[in-house]
Amino acid sequence: MKNYNKKAFTLIEMAIVLTILAMVMGTVISMTKISYQKNKLYETKQDISKIKQSMIGYMGINHKLPSSDTTADGKGDGVKGEGNTGIGNIPYIDLQVSGKDEFGMVYQYDVNDDLLETNSTNLCLELSSISKLSIESPHVENHNTPTADKYALAAVVISKGQNKILTGKNDDADRKSVV
């Protein structure tokens, strides 16, 4: 006579275990994705810091900032008075830096037109005069307090980020960066 009292898992017990495993795996996968996105953001911030240092070095050697790249060749396209508005892509070949952020998008760049044609004599004068805000120069304002002070800048470098678009008040061409 056979003994059928063997212990085994029931279908309900197996379903519960599989459900728990699926939840654990879902949590691990989502946390990995979040970590991956944070790492990309961190790397993009590091790239922008390198771009800043490269721009300072470029300005120290050439006594001016590089013009923006509007033809997507990685080189600055001109100086004030030759049709360059200052808005375009980062001239990554001129600066010897990466032209794209960690999300695969080209860095946007806007430079104060007065800093495209300076020399060693008037560079400091031009830098000190950018505090005078004008609509024609790059500037920044806080989106939480739009009536607060606005700050003129020598240049702005923008990453489009993980959504790969400039959103809200940064998607127009008014040379205003809203943070």
Foldseek 3Di string as FASTA:
>chain_A
DDDPPDDDDDPVRVVVVVVVVVVVVVVVVVVVVVVVQVVLVVQQVVLVVLLVVLQVVLCVVFVFGAAADAPPPLHGDDAPPPPGLQWHFHSCVSSVGDQAGSLGHGKIKGFARVRRDDGPVCSVVSVVPQQPDDQSAAWEDEPVCNVDDIGGDRMDIDHCGNVRADDDPRRDDRNYHYD
